[in-house]
């Protein structure tokens, strides 16, 4: 099993659970071992990195709530 990590300068996308056609993109500006700074739909923000069930990194750019969209490091946006 390989774990995926967020890379500075890379863009990642996510979808909303309630509307699959709504796609958003965030770009990683900075990272530390536990946080990433992104620029996304809500502007620039710092988010704590979480791990998914496979050990890959994830962030919740709109906050944590029951149907919150997730950005996964395993799914970068194709250039």
N, C-alpha and C. Protein backbone atom coordinates (compact mmCIF):
# COMPACT_ATOMS: atom_id res chain seq x y z
N UNK A 1 0.84 -1.17 0.00
CA UNK A 1 0.00 0.00 0.00
C UNK A 1 0.89 1.24 0.00
N UNK A 2 0.65 2.14 -0.93
CA UNK A 2 1.39 3.39 -0.96
C UNK A 2 0.49 4.50 -0.44
N UNK A 3 1.05 5.36 0.37
CA UNK A 3 0.27 6.47 0.88
C UNK A 3 0.52 7.69 0.02
N UNK A 4 -0.53 8.41 -0.30
CA UNK A 4 -0.41 9.61 -1.12
C UNK A 4 -0.33 10.84 -0.21
N UNK A 5 0.48 11.80 -0.62
CA UNK A 5 0.68 13.03 0.14
C UNK A 5 0.43 14.23 -0.75
N UNK A 6 -0.05 15.33 -0.15
CA UNK A 6 -0.26 16.56 -0.89
C UNK A 6 1.09 17.16 -1.28
N UNK A 7 1.19 17.65 -2.51
CA UNK A 7 2.41 18.26 -3.03
C UNK A 7 2.16 19.75 -3.26
N UNK A 8 3.11 20.58 -2.87
CA UNK A 8 3.01 22.03 -3.06
C UNK A 8 2.97 22.32 -4.56
N UNK A 9 2.05 23.22 -4.95
CA UNK A 9 1.91 23.62 -6.35
C UNK A 9 0.95 22.75 -7.15
N UNK A 10 0.46 21.67 -6.58
CA UNK A 10 -0.45 20.77 -7.28
C UNK A 10 -1.90 21.15 -6.96
N UNK A 11 -2.78 21.00 -7.93
CA UNK A 11 -4.20 21.27 -7.74
C UNK A 11 -4.94 19.96 -7.53
N UNK A 12 -5.96 20.01 -6.69
CA UNK A 12 -6.80 18.85 -6.38
C UNK A 12 -8.25 19.27 -6.49
N UNK A 13 -9.11 18.35 -6.90
CA UNK A 13 -10.53 18.69 -7.03
C UNK A 13 -11.36 17.79 -6.13
N UNK A 14 -12.59 18.21 -5.93
CA UNK A 14 -13.53 17.43 -5.15
C UNK A 14 -14.94 17.71 -5.64
N UNK A 15 -15.88 16.91 -5.19
CA UNK A 15 -17.28 17.05 -5.58
C UNK A 15 -18.14 17.09 -4.33
N UNK A 16 -19.28 17.71 -4.47
CA UNK A 16 -20.25 17.76 -3.39
C UNK A 16 -21.12 16.52 -3.43
N UNK A 17 -21.45 15.96 -2.28
CA UNK A 17 -22.26 14.76 -2.21
C UNK A 17 -23.68 15.01 -2.74
N UNK A 18 -24.24 16.16 -2.42
CA UNK A 18 -25.61 16.46 -2.83
C UNK A 18 -25.75 16.81 -4.30
N UNK A 19 -24.68 17.28 -4.94
CA UNK A 19 -24.73 17.65 -6.36
C UNK A 19 -23.42 17.22 -7.01
N UNK A 20 -23.42 16.07 -7.62
CA UNK A 20 -22.21 15.49 -8.20
C UNK A 20 -21.61 16.35 -9.31
N UNK A 21 -22.43 17.18 -9.97
CA UNK A 21 -21.94 18.03 -11.05
C UNK A 21 -21.20 19.26 -10.53
N UNK A 22 -21.33 19.58 -9.25
CA UNK A 22 -20.61 20.72 -8.66
C UNK A 22 -19.20 20.29 -8.27
N UNK A 23 -18.24 20.79 -9.02
CA UNK A 23 -16.84 20.44 -8.80
C UNK A 23 -16.10 21.69 -8.34
N UNK A 24 -15.21 21.55 -7.38
CA UNK A 24 -14.37 22.66 -6.94
C UNK A 24 -12.91 22.22 -7.00
N UNK A 25 -12.03 23.19 -7.10
CA UNK A 25 -10.59 22.93 -7.18
C UNK A 25 -9.87 23.74 -6.13
N UNK A 26 -8.88 23.14 -5.50
CA UNK A 26 -8.00 23.84 -4.56
C UNK A 26 -6.56 23.61 -5.00
N UNK A 27 -5.71 24.59 -4.71
CA UNK A 27 -4.29 24.45 -5.00
C UNK A 27 -3.50 24.57 -3.71
N UNK A 28 -2.53 23.69 -3.54
CA UNK A 28 -1.71 23.68 -2.34
C UNK A 28 -0.61 24.73 -2.47
N UNK A 29 -0.58 25.69 -1.53
CA UNK A 29 0.44 26.74 -1.54
C UNK A 29 1.61 26.42 -0.64
N UNK A 30 1.32 25.86 0.53
CA UNK A 30 2.34 25.50 1.52
C UNK A 30 1.90 24.24 2.23
N UNK A 31 2.87 23.55 2.83
CA UNK A 31 2.50 22.42 3.66
C UNK A 31 3.52 22.23 4.78
N UNK A 32 3.04 21.72 5.89
CA UNK A 32 3.89 21.27 6.98
C UNK A 32 3.54 19.80 7.18
N UNK A 33 4.03 19.21 8.24
CA UNK A 33 3.73 17.80 8.49
C UNK A 33 2.25 17.58 8.80
N UNK A 34 1.58 18.59 9.40
CA UNK A 34 0.20 18.41 9.84
C UNK A 34 -0.82 19.31 9.16
N UNK A 35 -0.39 20.34 8.43
CA UNK A 35 -1.33 21.27 7.81
C UNK A 35 -0.94 21.58 6.37
N UNK A 36 -1.91 22.07 5.60
CA UNK A 36 -1.66 22.60 4.27
C UNK A 36 -2.34 23.96 4.17
N UNK A 37 -1.74 24.87 3.42
CA UNK A 37 -2.35 26.15 3.11
C UNK A 37 -2.81 26.06 1.67
N UNK A 38 -4.10 26.36 1.45
CA UNK A 38 -4.67 26.22 0.12
C UNK A 38 -5.25 27.55 -0.35
N UNK A 39 -5.45 27.64 -1.64
CA UNK A 39 -6.28 28.69 -2.21
C UNK A 39 -7.39 27.97 -2.96
N UNK A 40 -8.61 28.32 -2.63
CA UNK A 40 -9.76 27.62 -3.20
C UNK A 40 -10.95 28.54 -3.34
N UNK A 41 -12.14 27.97 -3.41
CA UNK A 41 -13.36 28.76 -3.61
C UNK A 41 -13.63 29.76 -2.49
N UNK A 42 -13.18 29.48 -1.30
CA UNK A 42 -13.41 30.38 -0.17
C UNK A 42 -12.19 31.25 0.13
N UNK A 43 -11.24 31.32 -0.81
CA UNK A 43 -10.03 32.12 -0.61
C UNK A 43 -8.91 31.29 -0.02
N UNK A 44 -7.95 31.98 0.58
CA UNK A 44 -6.79 31.29 1.16
C UNK A 44 -7.13 30.84 2.58
N UNK A 45 -6.76 29.62 2.90
CA UNK A 45 -7.06 29.08 4.23
C UNK A 45 -6.06 27.97 4.57
N UNK A 46 -5.91 27.73 5.86
CA UNK A 46 -5.07 26.65 6.35
C UNK A 46 -5.96 25.55 6.89
N UNK A 47 -5.65 24.30 6.50
CA UNK A 47 -6.46 23.16 6.92
C UNK A 47 -5.57 22.05 7.48
N UNK A 48 -6.10 21.36 8.45
CA UNK A 48 -5.40 20.23 9.06
C UNK A 48 -5.54 19.01 8.16
N UNK A 49 -4.46 18.26 8.02
CA UNK A 49 -4.45 17.05 7.20
C UNK A 49 -5.00 15.89 8.00
N UNK A 50 -5.91 15.13 7.38
CA UNK A 50 -6.46 13.90 7.96
C UNK A 50 -6.00 12.74 7.10
N UNK A 51 -6.15 11.54 7.63
CA UNK A 51 -5.82 10.34 6.86
C UNK A 51 -7.09 9.55 6.58
N UNK A 52 -7.19 9.02 5.35
CA UNK A 52 -8.34 8.18 5.02
C UNK A 52 -8.06 6.74 5.44
N UNK A 53 -8.97 5.85 5.12
CA UNK A 53 -8.86 4.45 5.54
C UNK A 53 -7.68 3.71 4.89
N UNK A 54 -7.13 4.26 3.81
CA UNK A 54 -5.97 3.65 3.16
C UNK A 54 -4.65 4.31 3.54
N UNK A 55 -4.71 5.32 4.40
CA UNK A 55 -3.50 6.02 4.83
C UNK A 55 -3.14 7.22 3.98
N UNK A 56 -3.96 7.56 2.99
CA UNK A 56 -3.72 8.73 2.14
C UNK A 56 -4.19 10.00 2.83
N UNK A 57 -3.60 11.13 2.46
CA UNK A 57 -3.95 12.40 3.07
C UNK A 57 -5.24 12.97 2.48
N UNK A 58 -6.04 13.61 3.33
CA UNK A 58 -7.28 14.27 2.91
C UNK A 58 -7.40 15.59 3.65
N UNK A 59 -8.17 16.52 3.06
CA UNK A 59 -8.53 17.76 3.74
C UNK A 59 -10.01 18.03 3.49
N UNK A 60 -10.60 18.82 4.37
CA UNK A 60 -11.99 19.23 4.26
C UNK A 60 -12.01 20.75 4.05
N UNK A 61 -11.97 21.23 2.79
CA UNK A 61 -11.84 22.66 2.54
C UNK A 61 -13.04 23.51 2.96
N UNK A 62 -14.20 22.93 3.17
CA UNK A 62 -15.39 23.68 3.57
C UNK A 62 -15.77 23.41 5.02
N UNK A 63 -14.91 22.74 5.78
CA UNK A 63 -15.19 22.39 7.16
C UNK A 63 -15.68 20.96 7.28
N UNK A 64 -15.77 20.50 8.51
CA UNK A 64 -16.24 19.13 8.77
C UNK A 64 -17.70 19.16 9.18
N UNK A 65 -18.52 18.52 8.38
CA UNK A 65 -19.93 18.33 8.70
C UNK A 65 -20.38 17.06 8.00
N UNK A 66 -21.62 16.66 8.18
CA UNK A 66 -22.06 15.33 7.77
C UNK A 66 -21.88 15.04 6.28
N UNK A 67 -22.07 16.01 5.42
CA UNK A 67 -21.94 15.78 3.98
C UNK A 67 -20.85 16.66 3.38
N UNK A 68 -19.81 16.93 4.14
CA UNK A 68 -18.73 17.82 3.70
C UNK A 68 -17.94 17.19 2.55
N UNK A 69 -17.62 17.98 1.53
CA UNK A 69 -16.78 17.47 0.46
C UNK A 69 -15.34 17.30 0.93
N UNK A 70 -14.64 16.34 0.33
CA UNK A 70 -13.29 16.00 0.72
C UNK A 70 -12.36 16.11 -0.47
N UNK A 71 -11.15 16.64 -0.27
CA UNK A 71 -10.10 16.60 -1.28
C UNK A 71 -9.11 15.53 -0.87
N UNK A 72 -8.81 14.63 -1.77
CA UNK A 72 -7.89 13.53 -1.48
C UNK A 72 -6.59 13.73 -2.26
N UNK A 73 -5.47 13.47 -1.61
CA UNK A 73 -4.17 13.59 -2.26
C UNK A 73 -4.00 12.56 -3.37
N UNK A 74 -4.76 11.49 -3.32
CA UNK A 74 -4.66 10.44 -4.34
C UNK A 74 -5.30 10.86 -5.66
N UNK A 75 -6.02 12.00 -5.68
CA UNK A 75 -6.73 12.43 -6.88
C UNK A 75 -6.35 13.85 -7.30
N UNK A 76 -5.13 14.06 -7.80
CA UNK A 76 -4.78 15.39 -8.29
C UNK A 76 -5.48 15.70 -9.61
N UNK A 77 -5.60 16.99 -9.91
CA UNK A 77 -6.20 17.41 -11.18
C UNK A 77 -5.18 17.19 -12.28
N UNK A 78 -5.62 16.59 -13.37
CA UNK A 78 -4.73 16.36 -14.52
C UNK A 78 -4.37 17.70 -15.15
N UNK A 79 -3.11 17.86 -15.47
CA UNK A 79 -2.64 19.12 -16.06
C UNK A 79 -2.98 19.25 -17.51
